[in-house]
Amino acid sequence: MHDIDQELDTSGLNCPLPILRAKKALATMEPGQVLHIIATDPGSARDFPAFARQTGNELLEAREEGDKFHYLMKKG
């Protein structure tokens, strides 16, 4: 399990809001810190891996639990 430095709940928000909120949260964090993102938008399963590749952040984990998607992103 990874240590989580910050949690961001974007439940109920649709693309591109979860990505934009995550980008804003990551901007306030130090390199190496981990952001836990909770989303309900099914499109986020495609969006977050692409976002990580494009921004140099590391997607440590992506999982689905019930109707929620959980992502752990490490700031690059």
PDB file of N, CA and C in Angstrom:
ATOM      1  N   MET A   1       0.851  -1.203   0.000  1.00  0.00           N
ATOM      2  CA  MET A   1       0.000   0.000   0.000  1.00  0.00           C
ATOM      3  C   MET A   1       0.881   1.245   0.000  1.00  0.00           C
ATOM      4  N   HIS A   2       0.450   2.228  -0.705  1.00  0.00           N
ATOM      5  CA  HIS A   2       1.214   3.470  -0.809  1.00  0.00           C
ATOM      6  C   HIS A   2       0.735   4.467   0.244  1.00  0.00           C
ATOM      7  N   ASP A   3       1.648   5.279   0.729  1.00  0.00           N
ATOM      8  CA  ASP A   3       1.253   6.378   1.599  1.00  0.00           C
ATOM      9  C   ASP A   3       0.578   7.429   0.744  1.00  0.00           C
ATOM     10  N   ILE A   4      -0.528   7.953   1.223  1.00  0.00           N
ATOM     11  CA  ILE A   4      -1.276   8.961   0.474  1.00  0.00           C
ATOM     12  C   ILE A   4      -1.089  10.309   1.150  1.00  0.00           C
ATOM     13  N   ASP A   5      -0.675  11.289   0.364  1.00  0.00           N
ATOM     14  CA  ASP A   5      -0.431  12.624   0.904  1.00  0.00           C
ATOM     15  C   ASP A   5      -1.650  13.525   0.795  1.00  0.00           C
ATOM     16  N   GLN A   6      -2.476  13.273  -0.212  1.00  0.00           N
ATOM     17  CA  GLN A   6      -3.651  14.111  -0.422  1.00  0.00           C
ATOM     18  C   GLN A   6      -4.723  13.282  -1.105  1.00  0.00           C
ATOM     19  N   GLU A   7      -5.996  13.568  -0.769  1.00  0.00           N
ATOM     20  CA  GLU A   7      -7.096  12.855  -1.406  1.00  0.00           C
ATOM     21  C   GLU A   7      -7.983  13.849  -2.145  1.00  0.00           C
ATOM     22  N   LEU A   8      -8.436  13.442  -3.314  1.00  0.00           N
ATOM     23  CA  LEU A   8      -9.286  14.289  -4.145  1.00  0.00           C
ATOM     24  C   LEU A   8     -10.494  13.469  -4.578  1.00  0.00           C
ATOM     25  N   ASP A   9     -11.688  13.898  -4.151  1.00  0.00           N
ATOM     26  CA  ASP A   9     -12.909  13.184  -4.527  1.00  0.00           C
ATOM     27  C   ASP A   9     -13.610  13.960  -5.644  1.00  0.00           C
ATOM     28  N   THR A  10     -13.636  13.375  -6.838  1.00  0.00           N
ATOM     29  CA  THR A  10     -14.289  14.033  -7.977  1.00  0.00           C
ATOM     30  C   THR A  10     -15.587  13.311  -8.346  1.00  0.00           C
ATOM     31  N   SER A  11     -16.163  12.597  -7.398  1.00  0.00           N
ATOM     32  CA  SER A  11     -17.409  11.862  -7.641  1.00  0.00           C
ATOM     33  C   SER A  11     -18.482  12.798  -8.188  1.00  0.00           C
ATOM     34  N   GLY A  12     -19.165  12.340  -9.232  1.00  0.00           N
ATOM     35  CA  GLY A  12     -20.239  13.127  -9.819  1.00  0.00           C
ATOM     36  C   GLY A  12     -19.774  14.087 -10.900  1.00  0.00           C
ATOM     37  N   LEU A  13     -18.469  14.280 -11.033  1.00  0.00           N
ATOM     38  CA  LEU A  13     -17.946  15.181 -12.058  1.00  0.00           C
ATOM     39  C   LEU A  13     -17.604  14.395 -13.312  1.00  0.00           C
ATOM     40  N   ASN A  14     -17.876  14.987 -14.459  1.00  0.00           N
ATOM     41  CA  ASN A  14     -17.562  14.340 -15.727  1.00  0.00           C
ATOM     42  C   ASN A  14     -16.369  15.009 -16.387  1.00  0.00           C
ATOM     43  N   CYS A  15     -15.763  14.269 -17.298  1.00  0.00           N
ATOM     44  CA  CYS A  15     -14.621  14.733 -18.062  1.00  0.00           C
ATOM     45  C   CYS A  15     -14.896  16.120 -18.634  1.00  0.00           C
ATOM     46  N   PRO A  16     -13.975  17.041 -18.589  1.00  0.00           N
ATOM     47  CA  PRO A  16     -12.578  16.895 -18.130  1.00  0.00           C
ATOM     48  C   PRO A  16     -12.350  17.318 -16.685  1.00  0.00           C
ATOM     49  N   LEU A  17     -13.415  17.530 -15.904  1.00  0.00           N
ATOM     50  CA  LEU A  17     -13.243  18.074 -14.556  1.00  0.00           C
ATOM     51  C   LEU A  17     -12.363  17.232 -13.629  1.00  0.00           C
ATOM     52  N   PRO A  18     -12.504  15.890 -13.601  1.00  0.00           N
ATOM     53  CA  PRO A  18     -11.603  15.126 -12.709  1.00  0.00           C
ATOM     54  C   PRO A  18     -10.125  15.354 -13.023  1.00  0.00           C
ATOM     55  N   ILE A  19      -9.788  15.411 -14.304  1.00  0.00           N
ATOM     56  CA  ILE A  19      -8.397  15.645 -14.712  1.00  0.00           C
ATOM     57  C   ILE A  19      -7.950  17.052 -14.311  1.00  0.00           C
ATOM     58  N   LEU A  20      -8.809  18.036 -14.559  1.00  0.00           N
ATOM     59  CA  LEU A  20      -8.455  19.419 -14.225  1.00  0.00           C
ATOM     60  C   LEU A  20      -8.257  19.593 -12.723  1.00  0.00           C
ATOM     61  N   ARG A  21      -9.121  18.966 -11.929  1.00  0.00           N
ATOM     62  CA  ARG A  21      -8.988  19.054 -10.467  1.00  0.00           C
ATOM     63  C   ARG A  21      -7.708  18.354 -10.001  1.00  0.00           C
ATOM     64  N   ALA A  22      -7.408  17.207 -10.624  1.00  0.00           N
ATOM     65  CA  ALA A  22      -6.187  16.471 -10.260  1.00  0.00           C
ATOM     66  C   ALA A  22      -4.952  17.298 -10.609  1.00  0.00           C
ATOM     67  N   LYS A  23      -4.983  17.935 -11.757  1.00  0.00           N
ATOM     68  CA  LYS A  23      -3.859  18.771 -12.198  1.00  0.00           C
ATOM     69  C   LYS A  23      -3.626  19.908 -11.205  1.00  0.00           C
ATOM     70  N   LYS A  24      -4.715  20.515 -10.758  1.00  0.00           N
ATOM     71  CA  LYS A  24      -4.652  21.620  -9.797  1.00  0.00           C
ATOM     72  C   LYS A  24      -4.092  21.126  -8.449  1.00  0.00           C
ATOM     73  N   ALA A  25      -4.557  19.970  -8.004  1.00  0.00           N
ATOM     74  CA  ALA A  25      -4.093  19.412  -6.737  1.00  0.00           C
ATOM     75  C   ALA A  25      -2.609  19.053  -6.814  1.00  0.00           C
ATOM     76  N   LEU A  26      -2.207  18.423  -7.917  1.00  0.00           N
ATOM     77  CA  LEU A  26      -0.800  18.029  -8.084  1.00  0.00           C
ATOM     78  C   LEU A  26       0.117  19.249  -8.102  1.00  0.00           C
ATOM     79  N   ALA A  27      -0.381  20.365  -8.609  1.00  0.00           N
ATOM     80  CA  ALA A  27       0.425  21.587  -8.688  1.00  0.00           C
ATOM     81  C   ALA A  27       0.822  22.090  -7.298  1.00  0.00           C
ATOM     82  N   THR A  28       0.041  21.742  -6.283  1.00  0.00           N
ATOM     83  CA  THR A  28       0.324  22.209  -4.919  1.00  0.00           C
ATOM     84  C   THR A  28       1.192  21.217  -4.137  1.00  0.00           C
ATOM     85  N   MET A  29       1.497  20.081  -4.754  1.00  0.00           N
ATOM     86  CA  MET A  29       2.210  19.011  -4.059  1.00  0.00           C
ATOM     87  C   MET A  29       3.687  18.985  -4.423  1.00  0.00           C
ATOM     88  N   GLU A  30       4.466  18.320  -3.567  1.00  0.00           N
ATOM     89  CA  GLU A  30       5.905  18.169  -3.797  1.00  0.00           C
ATOM     90  C   GLU A  30       6.158  16.922  -4.645  1.00  0.00           C
ATOM     91  N   PRO A  31       7.237  16.918  -5.462  1.00  0.00           N
ATOM     92  CA  PRO A  31       7.581  15.714  -6.222  1.00  0.00           C
ATOM     93  C   PRO A  31       7.711  14.501  -5.289  1.00  0.00           C
ATOM     94  N   GLY A  32       7.149  13.374  -5.717  1.00  0.00           N
ATOM     95  CA  GLY A  32       7.209  12.160  -4.915  1.00  0.00           C
ATOM     96  C   GLY A  32       5.985  11.956  -4.038  1.00  0.00           C
ATOM     97  N   GLN A  33       5.197  13.006  -3.843  1.00  0.00           N
ATOM     98  CA  GLN A  33       3.982  12.853  -3.044  1.00  0.00           C
ATOM     99  C   GLN A  33       2.912  12.143  -3.863  1.00  0.00           C
ATOM    100  N   VAL A  34       1.967  11.503  -3.154  1.00  0.00           N
ATOM    101  CA  VAL A  34       0.948  10.683  -3.815  1.00  0.00           C
ATOM    102  C   VAL A  34      -0.443  11.282  -3.613  1.00  0.00           C
ATOM    103  N   LEU A  35      -1.153  11.412  -4.717  1.00  0.00           N
ATOM    104  CA  LEU A  35      -2.524  11.910  -4.719  1.00  0.00           C
ATOM    105  C   LEU A  35      -3.473  10.748  -4.984  1.00  0.00           C
ATOM    106  N   HIS A  36      -4.469  10.584  -4.103  1.00  0.00           N
ATOM    107  CA  HIS A  36      -5.510   9.559  -4.285  1.00  0.00           C
ATOM    108  C   HIS A  36      -6.715  10.255  -4.901  1.00  0.00           C
ATOM    109  N   ILE A  37      -7.087   9.837  -6.099  1.00  0.00           N
ATOM    110  CA  ILE A  37      -8.216  10.435  -6.805  1.00  0.00           C
ATOM    111  C   ILE A  37      -9.361   9.432  -6.835  1.00  0.00           C
ATOM    112  N   ILE A  38     -10.545   9.904  -6.473  1.00  0.00           N
ATOM    113  CA  ILE A  38     -11.751   9.082  -6.540  1.00  0.00           C
ATOM    114  C   ILE A  38     -12.637   9.699  -7.624  1.00  0.00           C
ATOM    115  N   ALA A  39     -13.087   8.881  -8.563  1.00  0.00           N
ATOM    116  CA  ALA A  39     -13.914   9.379  -9.662  1.00  0.00           C
ATOM    117  C   ALA A  39     -15.067   8.421  -9.927  1.00  0.00           C
ATOM    118  N   THR A  40     -16.136   8.951 -10.512  1.00  0.00           N
ATOM    119  CA  THR A  40     -17.267   8.102 -10.913  1.00  0.00           C
ATOM    120  C   THR A  40     -17.434   8.101 -12.435  1.00  0.00           C
ATOM    121  N   ASP A  41     -16.692   8.940 -13.133  1.00  0.00           N
ATOM    122  CA  ASP A  41     -16.775   9.033 -14.597  1.00  0.00           C
ATOM    123  C   ASP A  41     -16.038   7.840 -15.226  1.00  0.00           C
ATOM    124  N   PRO A  42     -16.761   6.960 -15.952  1.00  0.00           N
ATOM    125  CA  PRO A  42     -16.100   5.809 -16.577  1.00  0.00           C
ATOM    126  C   PRO A  42     -14.978   6.213 -17.532  1.00  0.00           C
ATOM    127  N   GLY A  43     -15.076   7.389 -18.123  1.00  0.00           N
ATOM    128  CA  GLY A  43     -14.044   7.882 -19.026  1.00  0.00           C
ATOM    129  C   GLY A  43     -12.721   8.119 -18.327  1.00  0.00           C
ATOM    130  N   SER A  44     -12.763   8.246 -17.005  1.00  0.00           N
ATOM    131  CA  SER A  44     -11.536   8.503 -16.251  1.00  0.00           C
ATOM    132  C   SER A  44     -10.559   7.333 -16.350  1.00  0.00           C
ATOM    133  N   ALA A  45     -11.080   6.123 -16.611  1.00  0.00           N
ATOM    134  CA  ALA A  45     -10.224   4.938 -16.739  1.00  0.00           C
ATOM    135  C   ALA A  45      -9.274   5.081 -17.927  1.00  0.00           C
ATOM    136  N   ARG A  46      -9.686   5.852 -18.914  1.00  0.00           N
ATOM    137  CA  ARG A  46      -8.865   6.113 -20.091  1.00  0.00           C
ATOM    138  C   ARG A  46      -8.068   7.411 -19.896  1.00  0.00           C
ATOM    139  N   ASP A  47      -8.704   8.378 -19.245  1.00  0.00           N
ATOM    140  CA  ASP A  47      -8.112   9.708 -19.107  1.00  0.00           C
ATOM    141  C   ASP A  47      -6.893   9.761 -18.201  1.00  0.00           C
ATOM    142  N   PHE A  48      -6.951   9.093 -17.041  1.00  0.00           N
ATOM    143  CA  PHE A  48      -5.850   9.227 -16.090  1.00  0.00           C
ATOM    144  C   PHE A  48      -4.538   8.598 -16.554  1.00  0.00           C
ATOM    145  N   PRO A  49      -4.559   7.407 -17.186  1.00  0.00           N
ATOM    146  CA  PRO A  49      -3.291   6.891 -17.724  1.00  0.00           C
ATOM    147  C   PRO A  49      -2.684   7.823 -18.775  1.00  0.00           C
ATOM    148  N   ALA A  50      -3.523   8.404 -19.621  1.00  0.00           N
ATOM    149  CA  ALA A  50      -3.040   9.336 -20.645  1.00  0.00           C
ATOM    150  C   ALA A  50      -2.491  10.604 -19.993  1.00  0.00           C
ATOM    151  N   PHE A  51      -3.196  11.097 -18.985  1.00  0.00           N
ATOM    152  CA  PHE A  51      -2.764  12.289 -18.252  1.00  0.00           C
ATOM    153  C   PHE A  51      -1.389  12.063 -17.612  1.00  0.00           C
ATOM    154  N   ALA A  52      -1.214  10.884 -17.019  1.00  0.00           N
ATOM    155  CA  ALA A  52       0.066  10.559 -16.380  1.00  0.00           C
ATOM    156  C   ALA A  52       1.202  10.555 -17.406  1.00  0.00           C
ATOM    157  N   ARG A  53       0.957   9.918 -18.550  1.00  0.00           N
ATOM    158  CA  ARG A  53       1.983   9.876 -19.605  1.00  0.00           C
ATOM    159  C   ARG A  53       2.339  11.270 -20.098  1.00  0.00           C
ATOM    160  N   GLN A  54       1.340  12.102 -20.282  1.00  0.00           N
ATOM    161  CA  GLN A  54       1.552  13.434 -20.843  1.00  0.00           C
ATOM    162  C   GLN A  54       2.230  14.395 -19.872  1.00  0.00           C
ATOM    163  N   THR A  55       2.051  14.170 -18.569  1.00  0.00           N
ATOM    164  CA  THR A  55       2.532  15.142 -17.583  1.00  0.00           C
ATOM    165  C   THR A  55       3.772  14.681 -16.825  1.00  0.00           C
ATOM    166  N   GLY A  56       4.191  13.425 -17.031  1.00  0.00           N
ATOM    167  CA  GLY A  56       5.373  12.937 -16.328  1.00  0.00           C
ATOM    168  C   GLY A  56       5.103  12.531 -14.890  1.00  0.00           C
ATOM    169  N   ASN A  57       3.817  12.439 -14.527  1.00  0.00           N
ATOM    170  CA  ASN A  57       3.464  11.904 -13.212  1.00  0.00           C
ATOM    171  C   ASN A  57       3.292  10.398 -13.365  1.00  0.00           C
ATOM    172  N   GLU A  58       3.411   9.679 -12.259  1.00  0.00           N
ATOM    173  CA  GLU A  58       3.351   8.217 -12.325  1.00  0.00           C
ATOM    174  C   GLU A  58       2.030   7.711 -11.765  1.00  0.00           C
ATOM    175  N   LEU A  59       1.306   6.948 -12.587  1.00  0.00           N
ATOM    176  CA  LEU A  59       0.066   6.331 -12.123  1.00  0.00           C
ATOM    177  C   LEU A  59       0.455   5.035 -11.417  1.00  0.00           C
ATOM    178  N   LEU A  60       0.391   5.045 -10.084  1.00  0.00           N
ATOM    179  CA  LEU A  60       0.823   3.893  -9.287  1.00  0.00           C
ATOM    180  C   LEU A  60      -0.238   2.802  -9.276  1.00  0.00           C
ATOM    181  N   GLU A  61      -1.494   3.224  -9.307  1.00  0.00           N
ATOM    182  CA  GLU A  61      -2.577   2.253  -9.173  1.00  0.00           C
ATOM    183  C   GLU A  61      -3.837   2.801  -9.819  1.00  0.00           C
ATOM    184  N   ALA A  62      -4.583   1.929 -10.470  1.00  0.00           N
ATOM    185  CA  ALA A  62      -5.899   2.270 -11.009  1.00  0.00           C
ATOM    186  C   ALA A  62      -6.794   1.073 -10.741  1.00  0.00           C
ATOM    187  N   ARG A  63      -7.856   1.290  -9.975  1.00  0.00           N
ATOM    188  CA  ARG A  63      -8.747   0.168  -9.674  1.00  0.00           C
ATOM    189  C   ARG A  63     -10.193   0.650  -9.617  1.00  0.00           C
ATOM    190  N   GLU A  64     -11.091  -0.283  -9.812  1.00  0.00           N
ATOM    191  CA  GLU A  64     -12.514   0.012  -9.773  1.00  0.00           C
ATOM    192  C   GLU A  64     -13.102  -0.706  -8.572  1.00  0.00           C
ATOM    193  N   GLU A  65     -13.869   0.042  -7.768  1.00  0.00           N
ATOM    194  CA  GLU A  65     -14.559  -0.554  -6.620  1.00  0.00           C
ATOM    195  C   GLU A  65     -16.013  -0.133  -6.692  1.00  0.00           C
ATOM    196  N   GLY A  66     -16.868  -1.080  -7.026  1.00  0.00           N
ATOM    197  CA  GLY A  66     -18.277  -0.738  -7.177  1.00  0.00           C
ATOM    198  C   GLY A  66     -18.435   0.255  -8.317  1.00  0.00           C
ATOM    199  N   ASP A  67     -19.046   1.394  -8.017  1.00  0.00           N
ATOM    200  CA  ASP A  67     -19.266   2.407  -9.066  1.00  0.00           C
ATOM    201  C   ASP A  67     -18.230   3.524  -9.003  1.00  0.00           C
ATOM    202  N   LYS A  68     -17.151   3.294  -8.261  1.00  0.00           N
ATOM    203  CA  LYS A  68     -16.106   4.313  -8.144  1.00  0.00           C
ATOM    204  C   LYS A  68     -14.781   3.808  -8.701  1.00  0.00           C
ATOM    205  N   PHE A  69     -14.021   4.734  -9.238  1.00  0.00           N
ATOM    206  CA  PHE A  69     -12.674   4.446  -9.741  1.00  0.00           C
ATOM    207  C   PHE A  69     -11.683   5.125  -8.814  1.00  0.00           C
ATOM    208  N   HIS A  70     -10.630   4.401  -8.478  1.00  0.00           N
ATOM    209  CA  HIS A  70      -9.608   4.937  -7.573  1.00  0.00           C
ATOM    210  C   HIS A  70      -8.270   4.953  -8.303  1.00  0.00           C
ATOM    211  N   TYR A  71      -7.588   6.086  -8.187  1.00  0.00           N
ATOM    212  CA  TYR A  71      -6.274   6.246  -8.833  1.00  0.00           C
ATOM    213  C   TYR A  71      -5.289   6.781  -7.799  1.00  0.00           C
ATOM    214  N   LEU A  72      -4.092   6.229  -7.836  1.00  0.00           N
ATOM    215  CA  LEU A  72      -3.005   6.772  -7.033  1.00  0.00           C
ATOM    216  C   LEU A  72      -1.990   7.328  -8.006  1.00  0.00           C
ATOM    217  N   MET A  73      -1.756   8.629  -7.908  1.00  0.00           N
ATOM    218  CA  MET A  73      -0.827   9.276  -8.822  1.00  0.00           C
ATOM    219  C   MET A  73       0.291   9.927  -8.032  1.00  0.00           C
ATOM    220  N   LYS A  74       1.526   9.564  -8.422  1.00  0.00           N
ATOM    221  CA  LYS A  74       2.714  10.104  -7.772  1.00  0.00           C
ATOM    222  C   LYS A  74       3.231  11.275  -8.595  1.00  0.00           C
ATOM    223  N   LYS A  75       3.404  12.404  -7.932  1.00  0.00           N
ATOM    224  CA  LYS A  75       3.875  13.584  -8.638  1.00  0.00           C
ATOM    225  C   LYS A  75       5.311  13.366  -9.114  1.00  0.00           C
ATOM    226  N   GLY A  76       5.535  13.670 -10.397  1.00  0.00           N
ATOM    227  CA  GLY A  76       6.856  13.484 -10.992  1.00  0.00           C
ATOM    228  C   GLY A  76       7.790  14.639 -10.701  1.00  0.00           C
TER     229      GLY A  76
END
